[in-house]
Amino acid sequence: WFRQSPGKEREFVASINWNGANIYYADSVKGRFTISKDNDKNTV
């Protein structure tokens, strides 16, 4: 997930790899945002 607000560059928010083993967060959202995968629905 990335995000972009007016007048600012697109910034990284969070990521998850194909098997869920590697998850990263931007410092600005760590502890508040959670990324997860639903493999059955091909949804993050």
ModelCIF file with pLDDT and N, C-alpha, C, O atoms, coordinates in Angstrom:
data_MODEL
#
_entry.id   MODEL 
#
_entity.id                         1 
_entity.type                       polymer 
_entity.pdbx_number_of_molecules   1 
#
_entity_poly.entity_id                      1 
_entity_poly.type                           'polypeptide(L)' 
_entity_poly.nstd_linkage                   no 
_entity_poly.nstd_monomer                   no 
_entity_poly.pdbx_seq_one_letter_code       WFRQSPGKEREFVASINWNGANIYYADSVKGRFTISKDNDKNTV 
_entity_poly.pdbx_seq_one_letter_code_can   WFRQSPGKEREFVASINWNGANIYYADSVKGRFTISKDNDKNTV 
_entity_poly.pdbx_strand_id                 A 
#
loop_
_entity_poly_seq.entity_id 
_entity_poly_seq.num 
_entity_poly_seq.mon_id 
_entity_poly_seq.hetero 
1 1  TRP n 
1 2  PHE n 
1 3  ARG n 
1 4  GLN n 
1 5  SER n 
1 6  PRO n 
1 7  GLY n 
1 8  LYS n 
1 9  GLU n 
1 10 ARG n 
1 11 GLU n 
1 12 PHE n 
1 13 VAL n 
1 14 ALA n 
1 15 SER n 
1 16 ILE n 
1 17 ASN n 
1 18 TRP n 
1 19 ASN n 
1 20 GLY n 
1 21 ALA n 
1 22 ASN n 
1 23 ILE n 
1 24 TYR n 
1 25 TYR n 
1 26 ALA n 
1 27 ASP n 
1 28 SER n 
1 29 VAL n 
1 30 LYS n 
1 31 GLY n 
1 32 ARG n 
1 33 PHE n 
1 34 THR n 
1 35 ILE n 
1 36 SER n 
1 37 LYS n 
1 38 ASP n 
1 39 ASN n 
1 40 ASP n 
1 41 LYS n 
1 42 ASN n 
1 43 THR n 
1 44 VAL n 
#
_struct_asym.id          A 
_struct_asym.entity_id   1 
#
loop_
_ma_qa_metric.id 
_ma_qa_metric.mode 
_ma_qa_metric.name 
_ma_qa_metric.software_group_id 
_ma_qa_metric.type 
1 global pLDDT . pLDDT 
2 local  pLDDT . pLDDT 
#
_ma_qa_metric_global.metric_id      1 
_ma_qa_metric_global.metric_value   94.64 
_ma_qa_metric_global.model_id       1 
_ma_qa_metric_global.ordinal_id     1 
#
loop_
_ma_qa_metric_local.label_asym_id 
_ma_qa_metric_local.label_comp_id 
_ma_qa_metric_local.label_seq_id 
_ma_qa_metric_local.metric_id 
_ma_qa_metric_local.metric_value 
_ma_qa_metric_local.model_id 
_ma_qa_metric_local.ordinal_id 
A TRP 1  2 98.00 1 1  
A PHE 2  2 98.00 1 2  
A ARG 3  2 98.00 1 3  
A GLN 4  2 98.00 1 4  
A SER 5  2 96.00 1 5  
A PRO 6  2 91.00 1 6  
A GLY 7  2 93.00 1 7  
A LYS 8  2 95.00 1 8  
A GLU 9  2 96.00 1 9  
A ARG 10 2 97.00 1 10 
A GLU 11 2 98.00 1 11 
A PHE 12 2 98.00 1 12 
A VAL 13 2 98.00 1 13 
A ALA 14 2 98.00 1 14 
A SER 15 2 98.00 1 15 
A ILE 16 2 96.00 1 16 
A ASN 17 2 93.00 1 17 
A TRP 18 2 90.00 1 18 
A ASN 19 2 89.00 1 19 
A GLY 20 2 90.00 1 20 
A ALA 21 2 93.00 1 21 
A ASN 22 2 96.00 1 22 
A ILE 23 2 97.00 1 23 
A TYR 24 2 98.00 1 24 
A TYR 25 2 98.00 1 25 
A ALA 26 2 98.00 1 26 
A ASP 27 2 98.00 1 27 
A SER 28 2 98.00 1 28 
A VAL 29 2 98.00 1 29 
A LYS 30 2 98.00 1 30 
A GLY 31 2 98.00 1 31 
A ARG 32 2 98.00 1 32 
A PHE 33 2 98.00 1 33 
A THR 34 2 98.00 1 34 
A ILE 35 2 98.00 1 35 
A SER 36 2 97.00 1 36 
A LYS 37 2 93.00 1 37 
A ASP 38 2 88.00 1 38 
A ASN 39 2 80.00 1 39 
A ASP 40 2 79.00 1 40 
A LYS 41 2 81.00 1 41 
A ASN 42 2 87.00 1 42 
A THR 43 2 93.00 1 43 
A VAL 44 2 96.00 1 44 
#
loop_
_atom_site.group_PDB 
_atom_site.id 
_atom_site.type_symbol 
_atom_site.label_atom_id 
_atom_site.label_alt_id 
_atom_site.label_comp_id 
_atom_site.label_asym_id 
_atom_site.label_entity_id 
_atom_site.label_seq_id 
_atom_site.pdbx_PDB_ins_code 
_atom_site.Cartn_x 
_atom_site.Cartn_y 
_atom_site.Cartn_z 
_atom_site.occupancy 
_atom_site.B_iso_or_equiv 
_atom_site.pdbx_formal_charge 
_atom_site.auth_seq_id 
_atom_site.auth_comp_id 
_atom_site.auth_asym_id 
_atom_site.auth_atom_id 
_atom_site.pdbx_PDB_model_num 
ATOM 1   N N  . TRP A 1 1  ? 0.855   -1.180  0.000  1.00 98.00 ? 1  TRP A N  1 
ATOM 2   C CA . TRP A 1 1  ? 0.000   0.000   0.000  1.00 98.00 ? 1  TRP A CA 1 
ATOM 3   C C  . TRP A 1 1  ? 0.898   1.239   0.000  1.00 98.00 ? 1  TRP A C  1 
ATOM 4   O O  . TRP A 1 1  ? 1.865   1.333   0.755  1.00 98.00 ? 1  TRP A O  1 
ATOM 5   N N  . PHE A 1 2  ? 0.548   2.169   -0.860 1.00 98.00 ? 2  PHE A N  1 
ATOM 6   C CA . PHE A 1 2  ? 1.168   3.483   -0.882 1.00 98.00 ? 2  PHE A CA 1 
ATOM 7   C C  . PHE A 1 2  ? 0.054   4.521   -0.714 1.00 98.00 ? 2  PHE A C  1 
ATOM 8   O O  . PHE A 1 2  ? -1.125  4.206   -0.869 1.00 98.00 ? 2  PHE A O  1 
ATOM 9   N N  . ARG A 1 3  ? 0.431   5.731   -0.404 1.00 98.00 ? 3  ARG A N  1 
ATOM 10  C CA . ARG A 1 3  ? -0.567  6.803   -0.320 1.00 98.00 ? 3  ARG A CA 1 
ATOM 11  C C  . ARG A 1 3  ? 0.023   8.091   -0.846 1.00 98.00 ? 3  ARG A C  1 
ATOM 12  O O  . ARG A 1 3  ? 1.236   8.297   -0.832 1.00 98.00 ? 3  ARG A O  1 
ATOM 13  N N  . GLN A 1 4  ? -0.862  8.949   -1.309 1.00 98.00 ? 4  GLN A N  1 
ATOM 14  C CA . GLN A 1 4  ? -0.425  10.231  -1.851 1.00 98.00 ? 4  GLN A CA 1 
ATOM 15  C C  . GLN A 1 4  ? -1.445  11.297  -1.508 1.00 98.00 ? 4  GLN A C  1 
ATOM 16  O O  . GLN A 1 4  ? -2.636  11.136  -1.774 1.00 98.00 ? 4  GLN A O  1 
ATOM 17  N N  . SER A 1 5  ? -0.984  12.377  -0.922 1.00 96.00 ? 5  SER A N  1 
ATOM 18  C CA . SER A 1 5  ? -1.837  13.518  -0.621 1.00 96.00 ? 5  SER A CA 1 
ATOM 19  C C  . SER A 1 5  ? -1.432  14.678  -1.529 1.00 96.00 ? 5  SER A C  1 
ATOM 20  O O  . SER A 1 5  ? -0.317  14.684  -2.051 1.00 96.00 ? 5  SER A O  1 
ATOM 21  N N  . PRO A 1 6  ? -2.313  15.655  -1.726 1.00 91.00 ? 6  PRO A N  1 
ATOM 22  C CA . PRO A 1 6  ? -2.033  16.750  -2.660 1.00 91.00 ? 6  PRO A CA 1 
ATOM 23  C C  . PRO A 1 6  ? -0.723  17.461  -2.357 1.00 91.00 ? 6  PRO A C  1 
ATOM 24  O O  . PRO A 1 6  ? -0.458  17.848  -1.219 1.00 91.00 ? 6  PRO A O  1 
ATOM 25  N N  . GLY A 1 7  ? 0.088   17.625  -3.391 1.00 93.00 ? 7  GLY A N  1 
ATOM 26  C CA . GLY A 1 7  ? 1.337   18.351  -3.248 1.00 93.00 ? 7  GLY A CA 1 
ATOM 27  C C  . GLY A 1 7  ? 2.478   17.540  -2.679 1.00 93.00 ? 7  GLY A C  1 
ATOM 28  O O  . GLY A 1 7  ? 3.581   18.055  -2.494 1.00 93.00 ? 7  GLY A O  1 
ATOM 29  N N  . LYS A 1 8  ? 2.222   16.271  -2.401 1.00 95.00 ? 8  LYS A N  1 
ATOM 30  C CA . LYS A 1 8  ? 3.261   15.419  -1.821 1.00 95.00 ? 8  LYS A CA 1 
ATOM 31  C C  . LYS A 1 8  ? 3.554   14.236  -2.728 1.00 95.00 ? 8  LYS A C  1 
ATOM 32  O O  . LYS A 1 8  ? 2.729   13.853  -3.558 1.00 95.00 ? 8  LYS A O  1 
ATOM 33  N N  . GLU A 1 9  ? 4.735   13.665  -2.559 1.00 96.00 ? 9  GLU A N  1 
ATOM 34  C CA . GLU A 1 9  ? 5.090   12.477  -3.316 1.00 96.00 ? 9  GLU A CA 1 
ATOM 35  C C  . GLU A 1 9  ? 4.381   11.256  -2.749 1.00 96.00 ? 9  GLU A C  1 
ATOM 36  O O  . GLU A 1 9  ? 3.988   11.225  -1.583 1.00 96.00 ? 9  GLU A O  1 
ATOM 37  N N  . ARG A 1 10 ? 4.230   10.255  -3.604 1.00 97.00 ? 10 ARG A N  1 
ATOM 38  C CA . ARG A 1 10 ? 3.634   9.005   -3.155 1.00 97.00 ? 10 ARG A CA 1 
ATOM 39  C C  . ARG A 1 10 ? 4.568   8.362   -2.135 1.00 97.00 ? 10 ARG A C  1 
ATOM 40  O O  . ARG A 1 10 ? 5.776   8.279   -2.355 1.00 97.00 ? 10 ARG A O  1 
ATOM 41  N N  . GLU A 1 11 ? 4.000   7.907   -1.017 1.00 98.00 ? 11 GLU A N  1 
ATOM 42  C CA . GLU A 1 11 ? 4.833   7.330   0.037  1.00 98.00 ? 11 GLU A CA 1 
ATOM 43  C C  . GLU A 1 11 ? 4.380   5.919   0.383  1.00 98.00 ? 11 GLU A C  1 
ATOM 44  O O  . GLU A 1 11 ? 3.202   5.572   0.289  1.00 98.00 ? 11 GLU A O  1 
ATOM 45  N N  . PHE A 1 12 ? 5.344   5.136   0.780  1.00 98.00 ? 12 PHE A N  1 
ATOM 46  C CA . PHE A 1 12 ? 5.108   3.745   1.179  1.00 98.00 ? 12 PHE A CA 1 
ATOM 47  C C  . PHE A 1 12 ? 4.358   3.705   2.501  1.00 98.00 ? 12 PHE A C  1 
ATOM 48  O O  . PHE A 1 12 ? 4.617   4.506   3.400  1.00 98.00 ? 12 PHE A O  1 
ATOM 49  N N  . VAL A 1 13 ? 3.425   2.764   2.610  1.00 98.00 ? 13 VAL A N  1 
ATOM 50  C CA . VAL A 1 13 ? 2.665   2.584   3.846  1.00 98.00 ? 13 VAL A CA 1 
ATOM 51  C C  . VAL A 1 13 ? 2.948   1.218   4.467  1.00 98.00 ? 13 VAL A C  1 
ATOM 52  O O  . VAL A 1 13 ? 3.345   1.140   5.629  1.00 98.00 ? 13 VAL A O  1 
ATOM 53  N N  . ALA A 1 14 ? 2.749   0.147   3.709  1.00 98.00 ? 14 ALA A N  1 
ATOM 54  C CA . ALA A 1 14 ? 2.927   -1.202  4.249  1.00 98.00 ? 14 ALA A CA 1 
ATOM 55  C C  . ALA A 1 14 ? 3.053   -2.189  3.100  1.00 98.00 ? 14 ALA A C  1 
ATOM 56  O O  . ALA A 1 14 ? 2.589   -1.926  1.990  1.00 98.00 ? 14 ALA A O  1 
ATOM 57  N N  . SER A 1 15 ? 3.682   -3.326  3.370  1.00 98.00 ? 15 SER A N  1 
ATOM 58  C CA . SER A 1 15 ? 3.815   -4.358  2.354  1.00 98.00 ? 15 SER A CA 1 
ATOM 59  C C  . SER A 1 15 ? 3.725   -5.736  2.973  1.00 98.00 ? 15 SER A C  1 
ATOM 60  O O  . SER A 1 15 ? 3.995   -5.927  4.158  1.00 98.00 ? 15 SER A O  1 
ATOM 61  N N  . ILE A 1 16 ? 3.334   -6.700  2.136  1.00 96.00 ? 16 ILE A N  1 
ATOM 62  C CA . ILE A 1 16 ? 3.293   -8.104  2.539  1.00 96.00 ? 16 ILE A CA 1 
ATOM 63  C C  . ILE A 1 16 ? 3.670   -8.932  1.327  1.00 96.00 ? 16 ILE A C  1 
ATOM 64  O O  . ILE A 1 16 ? 3.207   -8.656  0.221  1.00 96.00 ? 16 ILE A O  1 
ATOM 65  N N  . ASN A 1 17 ? 4.509   -9.952  1.521  1.00 93.00 ? 17 ASN A N  1 
ATOM 66  C CA . ASN A 1 17 ? 4.906   -10.757 0.372  1.00 93.00 ? 17 ASN A CA 1 
ATOM 67  C C  . ASN A 1 17 ? 3.946   -11.921 0.188  1.00 93.00 ? 17 ASN A C  1 
ATOM 68  O O  . ASN A 1 17 ? 2.997   -12.081 0.957  1.00 93.00 ? 17 ASN A O  1 
ATOM 69  N N  . TRP A 1 18 ? 4.197   -12.740 -0.840 1.00 90.00 ? 18 TRP A N  1 
ATOM 70  C CA . TRP A 1 18 ? 3.230   -13.728 -1.295 1.00 90.00 ? 18 TRP A CA 1 
ATOM 71  C C  . TRP A 1 18 ? 2.866   -14.762 -0.241 1.00 90.00 ? 18 TRP A C  1 
ATOM 72  O O  . TRP A 1 18 ? 1.743   -15.266 -0.244 1.00 90.00 ? 18 TRP A O  1 
ATOM 73  N N  . ASN A 1 19 ? 3.779   -15.088 0.655  1.00 89.00 ? 19 ASN A N  1 
ATOM 74  C CA . ASN A 1 19 ? 3.458   -16.100 1.664  1.00 89.00 ? 19 ASN A CA 1 
ATOM 75  C C  . ASN A 1 19 ? 3.238   -15.491 3.046  1.00 89.00 ? 19 ASN A C  1 
ATOM 76  O O  . ASN A 1 19 ? 3.071   -16.213 4.029  1.00 89.00 ? 19 ASN A O  1 
ATOM 77  N N  . GLY A 1 20 ? 3.237   -14.161 3.115  1.00 90.00 ? 20 GLY A N  1 
ATOM 78  C CA . GLY A 1 20 ? 2.975   -13.504 4.383  1.00 90.00 ? 20 GLY A CA 1 
ATOM 79  C C  . GLY A 1 20 ? 4.135   -13.495 5.355  1.00 90.00 ? 20 GLY A C  1 
ATOM 80  O O  . GLY A 1 20 ? 3.987   -13.063 6.498  1.00 90.00 ? 20 GLY A O  1 
ATOM 81  N N  . ALA A 1 21 ? 5.292   -13.971 4.910  1.00 93.00 ? 21 ALA A N  1 
ATOM 82  C CA . ALA A 1 21 ? 6.430   -14.090 5.815  1.00 93.00 ? 21 ALA A CA 1 
ATOM 83  C C  . ALA A 1 21 ? 7.169   -12.773 6.011  1.00 93.00 ? 21 ALA A C  1 
ATOM 84  O O  . ALA A 1 21 ? 7.870   -12.600 7.008  1.00 93.00 ? 21 ALA A O  1 
ATOM 85  N N  . ASN A 1 22 ? 7.022   -11.863 5.094  1.00 96.00 ? 22 ASN A N  1 
ATOM 86  C CA . ASN A 1 22 ? 7.730   -10.587 5.179  1.00 96.00 ? 22 ASN A CA 1 
ATOM 87  C C  . ASN A 1 22 ? 6.723   -9.446  5.147  1.00 96.00 ? 22 ASN A C  1 
ATOM 88  O O  . ASN A 1 22 ? 6.030   -9.237  4.151  1.00 96.00 ? 22 ASN A O  1 
ATOM 89  N N  . ILE A 1 23 ? 6.654   -8.725  6.232  1.00 97.00 ? 23 ILE A N  1 
ATOM 90  C CA . ILE A 1 23 ? 5.729   -7.599  6.384  1.00 97.00 ? 23 ILE A CA 1 
ATOM 91  C C  . ILE A 1 23 ? 6.517   -6.393  6.859  1.00 97.00 ? 23 ILE A C  1 
ATOM 92  O O  . ILE A 1 23 ? 7.333   -6.489  7.776  1.00 97.00 ? 23 ILE A O  1 
ATOM 93  N N  . TYR A 1 24 ? 6.266   -5.260  6.227  1.00 98.00 ? 24 TYR A N  1 
ATOM 94  C CA . TYR A 1 24 ? 6.946   -4.022  6.600  1.00 98.00 ? 24 TYR A CA 1 
ATOM 95  C C  . TYR A 1 24 ? 5.931   -2.890  6.708  1.00 98.00 ? 24 TYR A C  1 
ATOM 96  O O  . TYR A 1 24 ? 4.908   -2.886  6.023  1.00 98.00 ? 24 TYR A O  1 
ATOM 97  N N  . TYR A 1 25 ? 6.230   -1.939  7.574  1.00 98.00 ? 25 TYR A N  1 
ATOM 98  C CA . TYR A 1 25 ? 5.389   -0.765  7.747  1.00 98.00 ? 25 TYR A CA 1 
ATOM 99  C C  . TYR A 1 25 ? 6.248   0.497   7.722  1.00 98.00 ? 25 TYR A C  1 
ATOM 100 O O  . TYR A 1 25 ? 7.416   0.477   8.111  1.00 98.00 ? 25 TYR A O  1 
ATOM 101 N N  . ALA A 1 26 ? 5.656   1.582   7.262  1.00 98.00 ? 26 ALA A N  1 
ATOM 102 C CA . ALA A 1 26 ? 6.284   2.878   7.434  1.00 98.00 ? 26 ALA A CA 1 
ATOM 103 C C  . ALA A 1 26 ? 6.242   3.237   8.917  1.00 98.00 ? 26 ALA A C  1 
ATOM 104 O O  . ALA A 1 26 ? 5.307   2.869   9.629  1.00 98.00 ? 26 ALA A O  1 
ATOM 105 N N  . ASP A 1 27 ? 7.250   3.948   9.369  1.00 98.00 ? 27 ASP A N  1 
ATOM 106 C CA . ASP A 1 27 ? 7.296   4.325   10.784 1.00 98.00 ? 27 ASP A CA 1 
ATOM 107 C C  . ASP A 1 27 ? 6.054   5.127   11.191 1.00 98.00 ? 27 ASP A C  1 
ATOM 108 O O  . ASP A 1 27 ? 5.595   5.037   12.329 1.00 98.00 ? 27 ASP A O  1 
ATOM 109 N N  . SER A 1 28 ? 5.523   5.905   10.261 1.00 98.00 ? 28 SER A N  1 
ATOM 110 C CA . SER A 1 28 ? 4.393   6.776   10.576 1.00 98.00 ? 28 SER A CA 1 
ATOM 111 C C  . SER A 1 28 ? 3.101   6.014   10.866 1.00 98.00 ? 28 SER A C  1 
ATOM 112 O O  . SER A 1 28 ? 2.174   6.572   11.454 1.00 98.00 ? 28 SER A O  1 
ATOM 113 N N  . VAL A 1 29 ? 3.030   4.755   10.462 1.00 98.00 ? 29 VAL A N  1 
ATOM 114 C CA . VAL A 1 29 ? 1.794   3.983   10.670 1.00 98.00 ? 29 VAL A CA 1 
ATOM 115 C C  . VAL A 1 29 ? 2.010   2.766   11.557 1.00 98.00 ? 29 VAL A C  1 
ATOM 116 O O  . VAL A 1 29 ? 1.050   2.085   11.915 1.00 98.00 ? 29 VAL A O  1 
ATOM 117 N N  . LYS A 1 30 ? 3.240   2.489   11.911 1.00 98.00 ? 30 LYS A N  1 
ATOM 118 C CA . LYS A 1 30 ? 3.547   1.307   12.717 1.00 98.00 ? 30 LYS A CA 1 
ATOM 119 C C  . LYS A 1 30 ? 2.796   1.361   14.045 1.00 98.00 ? 30 LYS A C  1 
ATOM 120 O O  . LYS A 1 30 ? 2.807   2.375   14.742 1.00 98.00 ? 30 LYS A O  1 
ATOM 121 N N  . GLY A 1 31 ? 2.147   0.254   14.377 1.00 98.00 ? 31 GLY A N  1 
ATOM 122 C CA . GLY A 1 31 ? 1.372   0.196   15.602 1.00 98.00 ? 31 GLY A CA 1 
ATOM 123 C C  . GLY A 1 31 ? -0.080  0.624   15.428 1.00 98.00 ? 31 GLY A C  1 
ATOM 124 O O  . GLY A 1 31 ? -0.908  0.387   16.308 1.00 98.00 ? 31 GLY A O  1 
ATOM 125 N N  . ARG A 1 32 ? -0.391  1.251   14.303 1.00 98.00 ? 32 ARG A N  1 
ATOM 126 C CA . ARG A 1 32 ? -1.772  1.691   14.044 1.00 98.00 ? 32 ARG A CA 1 
ATOM 127 C C  . ARG A 1 32 ? -2.395  0.963   12.860 1.00 98.00 ? 32 ARG A C  1 
ATOM 128 O O  . ARG A 1 32 ? -3.604  0.727   12.850 1.00 98.00 ? 32 ARG A O  1 
ATOM 129 N N  . PHE A 1 33 ? -1.591  0.604   11.865 1.00 98.00 ? 33 PHE A N  1 
ATOM 130 C CA . PHE A 1 33 ? -2.074  -0.075  10.666 1.00 98.00 ? 33 PHE A CA 1 
ATOM 131 C C  . PHE A 1 33 ? -1.605  -1.525  10.692 1.00 98.00 ? 33 PHE A C  1 
ATOM 132 O O  . PHE A 1 33 ? -0.532  -1.838  11.206 1.00 98.00 ? 33 PHE A O  1 
ATOM 133 N N  . THR A 1 34 ? -2.432  -2.404  10.127 1.00 98.00 ? 34 THR A N  1 
ATOM 134 C CA . THR A 1 34 ? -2.088  -3.817  10.028 1.00 98.00 ? 34 THR A CA 1 
ATOM 135 C C  . THR A 1 34 ? -2.404  -4.313  8.630  1.00 98.00 ? 34 THR A C  1 
ATOM 136 O O  . THR A 1 34 ? -3.516  -4.126  8.136  1.00 98.00 ? 34 THR A O  1 
ATOM 137 N N  . ILE A 1 35 ? -1.423  -4.951  7.985  1.00 98.00 ? 35 ILE A N  1 
ATOM 138 C CA . ILE A 1 35 ? -1.627  -5.512  6.654  1.00 98.00 ? 35 ILE A CA 1 
ATOM 139 C C  . ILE A 1 35 ? -1.748  -7.027  6.769  1.00 98.00 ? 35 ILE A C  1 
ATOM 140 O O  . ILE A 1 35 ? -1.030  -7.657  7.544  1.00 98.00 ? 35 ILE A O  1 
ATOM 141 N N  . SER A 1 36 ? -2.666  -7.610  5.988  1.00 97.00 ? 36 SER A N  1 
ATOM 142 C CA . SER A 1 36 ? -2.865  -9.057  6.027  1.00 97.00 ? 36 SER A CA 1 
ATOM 143 C C  . SER A 1 36 ? -3.355  -9.531  4.661  1.00 97.00 ? 36 SER A C  1 
ATOM 144 O O  . SER A 1 36 ? -3.749  -8.730  3.815  1.00 97.00 ? 36 SER A O  1 
ATOM 145 N N  . LYS A 1 37 ? -3.321  -10.871 4.461  1.00 93.00 ? 37 LYS A N  1 
ATOM 146 C CA . LYS A 1 37 ? -3.738  -11.450 3.183  1.00 93.00 ? 37 LYS A CA 1 
ATOM 147 C C  . LYS A 1 37 ? -4.840  -12.466 3.409  1.00 93.00 ? 37 LYS A C  1 
ATOM 148 O O  . LYS A 1 37 ? -4.830  -13.208 4.391  1.00 93.00 ? 37 LYS A O  1 
ATOM 149 N N  . ASP A 1 38 ? -5.788  -12.490 2.489  1.00 88.00 ? 38 ASP A N  1 
ATOM 150 C CA . ASP A 1 38 ? -6.793  -13.541 2.427  1.00 88.00 ? 38 ASP A CA 1 
ATOM 151 C C  . ASP A 1 38 ? -6.528  -14.281 1.122  1.00 88.00 ? 38 ASP A C  1 
ATOM 152 O O  . ASP A 1 38 ? -6.978  -13.856 0.058  1.00 88.00 ? 38 ASP A O  1 
ATOM 153 N N  . ASN A 1 39 ? -5.800  -15.384 1.208  1.00 80.00 ? 39 ASN A N  1 
ATOM 154 C CA . ASN A 1 39 ? -5.388  -16.078 -0.012 1.00 80.00 ? 39 ASN A CA 1 
ATOM 155 C C  . ASN A 1 39 ? -6.564  -16.649 -0.794 1.00 80.00 ? 39 ASN A C  1 
ATOM 156 O O  . ASN A 1 39 ? -6.533  -16.702 -2.023 1.00 80.00 ? 39 ASN A O  1 
ATOM 157 N N  . ASP A 1 40 ? -7.591  -17.071 -0.084 1.00 79.00 ? 40 ASP A N  1 
ATOM 158 C CA . ASP A 1 40 ? -8.753  -17.648 -0.765 1.00 79.00 ? 40 ASP A CA 1 
ATOM 159 C C  . ASP A 1 40 ? -9.440  -16.632 -1.667 1.00 79.00 ? 40 ASP A C  1 
ATOM 160 O O  . ASP A 1 40 ? -10.014 -16.988 -2.696 1.00 79.00 ? 40 ASP A O  1 
ATOM 161 N N  . LYS A 1 41 ? -9.378  -15.369 -1.273 1.00 81.00 ? 41 LYS A N  1 
ATOM 162 C CA . LYS A 1 41 ? -10.061 -14.316 -2.016 1.00 81.00 ? 41 LYS A CA 1 
ATOM 163 C C  . LYS A 1 41 ? -9.090  -13.455 -2.818 1.00 81.00 ? 41 LYS A C  1 
ATOM 164 O O  . LYS A 1 41 ? -9.505  -12.479 -3.442 1.00 81.00 ? 41 LYS A O  1 
ATOM 165 N N  . ASN A 1 42 ? -7.791  -13.807 -2.810 1.00 87.00 ? 42 ASN A N  1 
ATOM 166 C CA . ASN A 1 42 ? -6.777  -12.990 -3.488 1.00 87.00 ? 42 ASN A CA 1 
ATOM 167 C C  . ASN A 1 42 ? -6.914  -11.525 -3.096 1.00 87.00 ? 42 ASN A C  1 
ATOM 168 O O  . ASN A 1 42 ? -6.899  -10.635 -3.947 1.00 87.00 ? 42 ASN A O  1 
ATOM 169 N N  . THR A 1 43 ? -7.046  -11.295 -1.807 1.00 93.00 ? 43 THR A N  1 
ATOM 170 C CA . THR A 1 43 ? -7.282  -9.951  -1.287 1.00 93.00 ? 43 THR A CA 1 
ATOM 171 C C  . THR A 1 43 ? -6.269  -9.615  -0.201 1.00 93.00 ? 43 THR A C  1 
ATOM 172 O O  . THR A 1 43 ? -5.924  -10.451 0.633  1.00 93.00 ? 43 THR A O  1 
ATOM 173 N N  . VAL A 1 44 ? -5.805  -8.382  -0.233 1.00 96.00 ? 44 VAL A N  1 
ATOM 174 C CA . VAL A 1 44 ? -4.937  -7.863  0.833  1.00 96.00 ? 44 VAL A CA 1 
ATOM 175 C C  . VAL A 1 44 ? -5.708  -6.783  1.578  1.00 96.00 ? 44 VAL A C  1 
ATOM 176 O O  . VAL A 1 44 ? -5.185  -6.193  2.524  1.00 96.00 ? 44 VAL A O  1 
#
